[in-house]
Amino acid sequence: RAGTSKTRHFFVTAANLLCGFFREGFANQDSQLILRSAHTIAGVASSMCAERLAKQASLIEVSSGEWAQISSTLPEFEQTVEDTIAWWNDKLQVS
């Protein structure tokens, strides 16, 4: 159980950090930072069974230079990130 709690804590911390990098990349229109952040978010989310977040990050990854498309999906992506982190935080408190 302690290992599971540490893994969940790692996911929450990593997701917050990576989303900060993603937002920075979007604000600066840095397609490489968006690409790397989205790719890493997709991988971490997938390994933590957060499939909706993994799928959305993968879609952003393939459109990392298309600002209009990223901009249109950003609100849903950010909500998914918040929902996923909240879900994991709830799990952390239960463990």
N, C-alpha and C. Protein backbone atom coordinates (compact mmCIF):
# COMPACT_ATOMS: atom_id res chain seq x y z
N ARG A 1 0.80 -1.19 0.00
CA ARG A 1 0.00 0.00 0.00
C ARG A 1 0.84 1.26 0.00
N ALA A 2 1.95 1.27 0.72
CA ALA A 2 2.81 2.46 0.76
C ALA A 2 3.36 2.76 -0.63
N GLY A 3 3.73 1.71 -1.38
CA GLY A 3 4.23 1.91 -2.73
C GLY A 3 3.18 2.50 -3.65
N THR A 4 1.94 2.04 -3.50
CA THR A 4 0.85 2.55 -4.31
C THR A 4 0.60 4.02 -4.01
N SER A 5 0.64 4.38 -2.75
CA SER A 5 0.44 5.77 -2.36
C SER A 5 1.56 6.65 -2.92
N LYS A 6 2.79 6.18 -2.88
CA LYS A 6 3.91 6.94 -3.44
C LYS A 6 3.77 7.10 -4.94
N THR A 7 3.28 6.07 -5.60
CA THR A 7 3.08 6.13 -7.04
C THR A 7 2.00 7.15 -7.37
N ARG A 8 0.92 7.14 -6.63
CA ARG A 8 -0.15 8.12 -6.85
C ARG A 8 0.36 9.53 -6.61
N HIS A 9 1.14 9.70 -5.54
CA HIS A 9 1.70 11.02 -5.24
C HIS A 9 2.62 11.47 -6.38
N PHE A 10 3.42 10.55 -6.90
CA PHE A 10 4.29 10.86 -8.03
C PHE A 10 3.47 11.33 -9.22
N PHE A 11 2.38 10.63 -9.51
CA PHE A 11 1.55 11.00 -10.65
C PHE A 11 0.99 12.41 -10.49
N VAL A 12 0.47 12.72 -9.33
CA VAL A 12 -0.12 14.04 -9.10
C VAL A 12 0.94 15.12 -9.25
N THR A 13 2.11 14.90 -8.66
CA THR A 13 3.20 15.87 -8.75
C THR A 13 3.66 16.02 -10.20
N ALA A 14 3.86 14.91 -10.89
CA ALA A 14 4.32 14.95 -12.28
C ALA A 14 3.29 15.62 -13.18
N ALA A 15 2.03 15.31 -12.98
CA ALA A 15 0.98 15.91 -13.81
C ALA A 15 0.95 17.42 -13.64
N ASN A 16 1.06 17.89 -12.41
CA ASN A 16 1.07 19.34 -12.16
C ASN A 16 2.28 20.00 -12.82
N LEU A 17 3.44 19.40 -12.67
CA LEU A 17 4.66 19.95 -13.26
C LEU A 17 4.60 19.96 -14.78
N LEU A 18 4.19 18.84 -15.36
CA LEU A 18 4.13 18.74 -16.82
C LEU A 18 3.09 19.69 -17.41
N CYS A 19 1.99 19.86 -16.72
CA CYS A 19 0.96 20.78 -17.22
C CYS A 19 1.46 22.22 -17.16
N GLY A 20 2.30 22.52 -16.18
CA GLY A 20 2.92 23.84 -16.13
C GLY A 20 3.82 24.07 -17.34
N PHE A 21 4.60 23.05 -17.70
CA PHE A 21 5.45 23.15 -18.89
C PHE A 21 4.59 23.30 -20.14
N PHE A 22 3.49 22.54 -20.18
CA PHE A 22 2.59 22.60 -21.33
C PHE A 22 2.02 24.01 -21.48
N ARG A 23 1.53 24.58 -20.38
CA ARG A 23 0.96 25.93 -20.42
C ARG A 23 2.01 26.96 -20.84
N GLU A 24 3.24 26.79 -20.34
CA GLU A 24 4.33 27.69 -20.73
C GLU A 24 4.59 27.59 -22.23
N GLY A 25 4.61 26.37 -22.75
CA GLY A 25 4.82 26.17 -24.18
C GLY A 25 3.71 26.81 -25.00
N PHE A 26 2.49 26.67 -24.54
CA PHE A 26 1.36 27.28 -25.26
C PHE A 26 1.45 28.80 -25.21
N ALA A 27 1.74 29.35 -24.04
CA ALA A 27 1.82 30.81 -23.88
C ALA A 27 2.91 31.40 -24.77
N ASN A 28 4.01 30.65 -24.93
CA ASN A 28 5.14 31.14 -25.74
C ASN A 28 5.13 30.60 -27.17
N GLN A 29 4.07 29.89 -27.52
CA GLN A 29 3.96 29.24 -28.83
C GLN A 29 5.23 28.44 -29.16
N ASP A 30 5.65 27.67 -28.17
CA ASP A 30 6.84 26.82 -28.29
C ASP A 30 6.37 25.40 -28.60
N SER A 31 6.33 25.07 -29.88
CA SER A 31 5.77 23.78 -30.29
C SER A 31 6.59 22.60 -29.76
N GLN A 32 7.89 22.78 -29.60
CA GLN A 32 8.72 21.68 -29.08
C GLN A 32 8.41 21.39 -27.61
N LEU A 33 8.21 22.44 -26.82
CA LEU A 33 7.86 22.24 -25.42
C LEU A 33 6.48 21.60 -25.30
N ILE A 34 5.55 22.03 -26.14
CA ILE A 34 4.21 21.41 -26.14
C ILE A 34 4.32 19.94 -26.53
N LEU A 35 5.08 19.66 -27.57
CA LEU A 35 5.26 18.28 -28.04
C LEU A 35 5.83 17.41 -26.93
N ARG A 36 6.92 17.85 -26.30
CA ARG A 36 7.55 17.05 -25.24
C ARG A 36 6.63 16.89 -24.04
N SER A 37 5.97 17.98 -23.65
CA SER A 37 5.08 17.92 -22.49
C SER A 37 3.89 17.00 -22.75
N ALA A 38 3.26 17.17 -23.90
CA ALA A 38 2.10 16.33 -24.24
C ALA A 38 2.50 14.86 -24.33
N HIS A 39 3.65 14.59 -24.93
CA HIS A 39 4.13 13.21 -25.06
C HIS A 39 4.35 12.59 -23.67
N THR A 40 4.98 13.34 -22.77
CA THR A 40 5.26 12.83 -21.43
C THR A 40 3.98 12.67 -20.63
N ILE A 41 3.07 13.65 -20.73
CA ILE A 41 1.78 13.54 -20.05
C ILE A 41 1.04 12.29 -20.54
N ALA A 42 1.04 12.06 -21.84
CA ALA A 42 0.36 10.89 -22.40
C ALA A 42 0.96 9.60 -21.83
N GLY A 43 2.27 9.53 -21.75
CA GLY A 43 2.92 8.33 -21.23
C GLY A 43 2.65 8.09 -19.76
N VAL A 44 2.79 9.14 -18.96
CA VAL A 44 2.54 9.01 -17.52
C VAL A 44 1.08 8.68 -17.27
N ALA A 45 0.18 9.38 -17.95
CA ALA A 45 -1.25 9.14 -17.76
C ALA A 45 -1.62 7.71 -18.15
N SER A 46 -1.07 7.25 -19.25
CA SER A 46 -1.37 5.89 -19.69
C SER A 46 -0.89 4.86 -18.67
N SER A 47 0.30 5.07 -18.14
CA SER A 47 0.81 4.10 -17.16
C SER A 47 0.04 4.13 -15.86
N MET A 48 -0.70 5.23 -15.61
CA MET A 48 -1.49 5.33 -14.39
C MET A 48 -2.98 5.08 -14.65
N CYS A 49 -3.29 4.51 -15.80
CA CYS A 49 -4.66 4.15 -16.17
C CYS A 49 -5.59 5.35 -16.29
N ALA A 50 -5.03 6.51 -16.62
CA ALA A 50 -5.83 7.71 -16.85
C ALA A 50 -6.00 7.85 -18.36
N GLU A 51 -6.80 6.96 -18.92
CA GLU A 51 -6.89 6.83 -20.37
C GLU A 51 -7.43 8.07 -21.08
N ARG A 52 -8.40 8.74 -20.48
CA ARG A 52 -8.95 9.94 -21.12
C ARG A 52 -7.88 11.02 -21.25
N LEU A 53 -7.11 11.22 -20.19
CA LEU A 53 -6.04 12.20 -20.22
C LEU A 53 -4.96 11.79 -21.21
N ALA A 54 -4.61 10.52 -21.23
CA ALA A 54 -3.60 10.03 -22.17
C ALA A 54 -4.02 10.26 -23.61
N LYS A 55 -5.28 10.00 -23.90
CA LYS A 55 -5.78 10.18 -25.27
C LYS A 55 -5.76 11.65 -25.67
N GLN A 56 -6.22 12.52 -24.78
CA GLN A 56 -6.23 13.95 -25.10
C GLN A 56 -4.80 14.48 -25.29
N ALA A 57 -3.89 14.06 -24.44
CA ALA A 57 -2.50 14.50 -24.58
C ALA A 57 -1.90 14.00 -25.89
N SER A 58 -2.23 12.79 -26.27
CA SER A 58 -1.74 12.25 -27.55
C SER A 58 -2.26 13.04 -28.73
N LEU A 59 -3.52 13.45 -28.66
CA LEU A 59 -4.09 14.27 -29.74
C LEU A 59 -3.40 15.63 -29.83
N ILE A 60 -3.08 16.20 -28.69
CA ILE A 60 -2.37 17.48 -28.68
C ILE A 60 -0.95 17.28 -29.21
N GLU A 61 -0.35 16.17 -28.85
CA GLU A 61 1.02 15.88 -29.31
C GLU A 61 1.10 15.88 -30.83
N VAL A 62 0.16 15.27 -31.49
CA VAL A 62 0.22 15.18 -32.96
C VAL A 62 -0.13 16.50 -33.63
N SER A 63 -0.72 17.43 -32.87
CA SER A 63 -1.04 18.73 -33.45
C SER A 63 -0.27 19.85 -32.75
N SER A 64 0.96 19.56 -32.31
CA SER A 64 1.71 20.49 -31.47
C SER A 64 2.01 21.83 -32.12
N GLY A 65 1.99 21.93 -33.43
CA GLY A 65 2.24 23.21 -34.08
C GLY A 65 1.00 23.91 -34.60
N GLU A 66 -0.15 23.31 -34.37
CA GLU A 66 -1.41 23.86 -34.88
C GLU A 66 -2.12 24.61 -33.74
N TRP A 67 -1.81 25.90 -33.61
CA TRP A 67 -2.25 26.69 -32.47
C TRP A 67 -3.77 26.77 -32.36
N ALA A 68 -4.46 26.90 -33.45
CA ALA A 68 -5.93 27.01 -33.41
C ALA A 68 -6.53 25.73 -32.85
N GLN A 69 -6.04 24.59 -33.29
CA GLN A 69 -6.57 23.31 -32.81
C GLN A 69 -6.25 23.11 -31.33
N ILE A 70 -5.02 23.42 -30.94
CA ILE A 70 -4.65 23.28 -29.53
C ILE A 70 -5.51 24.21 -28.68
N SER A 71 -5.66 25.43 -29.15
CA SER A 71 -6.45 26.41 -28.41
C SER A 71 -7.88 25.95 -28.22
N SER A 72 -8.45 25.32 -29.23
CA SER A 72 -9.84 24.87 -29.12
C SER A 72 -10.00 23.67 -28.19
N THR A 73 -8.95 22.88 -28.04
CA THR A 73 -9.04 21.71 -27.16
C THR A 73 -8.51 21.97 -25.76
N LEU A 74 -7.86 23.12 -25.57
CA LEU A 74 -7.22 23.42 -24.29
C LEU A 74 -8.18 23.41 -23.10
N PRO A 75 -9.36 24.03 -23.18
CA PRO A 75 -10.26 24.01 -22.00
C PRO A 75 -10.65 22.59 -21.58
N GLU A 76 -10.96 21.74 -22.54
CA GLU A 76 -11.32 20.35 -22.20
C GLU A 76 -10.13 19.60 -21.63
N PHE A 77 -8.95 19.82 -22.22
CA PHE A 77 -7.74 19.17 -21.73
C PHE A 77 -7.45 19.60 -20.29
N GLU A 78 -7.51 20.89 -20.02
CA GLU A 78 -7.25 21.37 -18.66
C GLU A 78 -8.27 20.83 -17.67
N GLN A 79 -9.53 20.72 -18.08
CA GLN A 79 -10.54 20.15 -17.19
C GLN A 79 -10.25 18.68 -16.92
N THR A 80 -9.82 17.96 -17.94
CA THR A 80 -9.47 16.56 -17.76
C THR A 80 -8.29 16.42 -16.81
N VAL A 81 -7.29 17.29 -16.95
CA VAL A 81 -6.15 17.28 -16.03
C VAL A 81 -6.63 17.50 -14.61
N GLU A 82 -7.45 18.53 -14.40
CA GLU A 82 -7.96 18.82 -13.06
C GLU A 82 -8.77 17.66 -12.50
N ASP A 83 -9.64 17.07 -13.33
CA ASP A 83 -10.45 15.94 -12.89
C ASP A 83 -9.58 14.75 -12.51
N THR A 84 -8.56 14.50 -13.32
CA THR A 84 -7.67 13.36 -13.07
C THR A 84 -6.87 13.57 -11.79
N ILE A 85 -6.34 14.77 -11.62
CA ILE A 85 -5.57 15.06 -10.40
C ILE A 85 -6.47 14.98 -9.18
N ALA A 86 -7.68 15.51 -9.28
CA ALA A 86 -8.62 15.43 -8.15
C ALA A 86 -8.94 13.97 -7.81
N TRP A 87 -9.11 13.15 -8.84
CA TRP A 87 -9.41 11.73 -8.61
C TRP A 87 -8.25 11.06 -7.89
N TRP A 88 -7.02 11.34 -8.37
CA TRP A 88 -5.85 10.74 -7.72
C TRP A 88 -5.66 11.30 -6.32
N ASN A 89 -5.93 12.59 -6.09
CA ASN A 89 -5.82 13.14 -4.73
C ASN A 89 -6.80 12.46 -3.79
N ASP A 90 -8.02 12.19 -4.29
CA ASP A 90 -8.98 11.45 -3.48
C ASP A 90 -8.44 10.08 -3.12
N LYS A 91 -7.81 9.42 -4.09
CA LYS A 91 -7.25 8.09 -3.85
C LYS A 91 -6.12 8.16 -2.83
N LEU A 92 -5.32 9.25 -2.88
CA LEU A 92 -4.22 9.42 -1.93
C LEU A 92 -4.75 9.53 -0.51
N GLN A 93 -5.87 10.22 -0.34
CA GLN A 93 -6.42 10.41 0.99
C GLN A 93 -7.02 9.13 1.54
N VAL A 94 -7.48 8.25 0.66
CA VAL A 94 -8.07 6.97 1.08
C VAL A 94 -6.97 6.01 1.53
N SER A 95 -5.84 6.05 0.86
CA SER A 95 -4.75 5.10 1.16
C SER A 95 -4.09 5.37 2.48
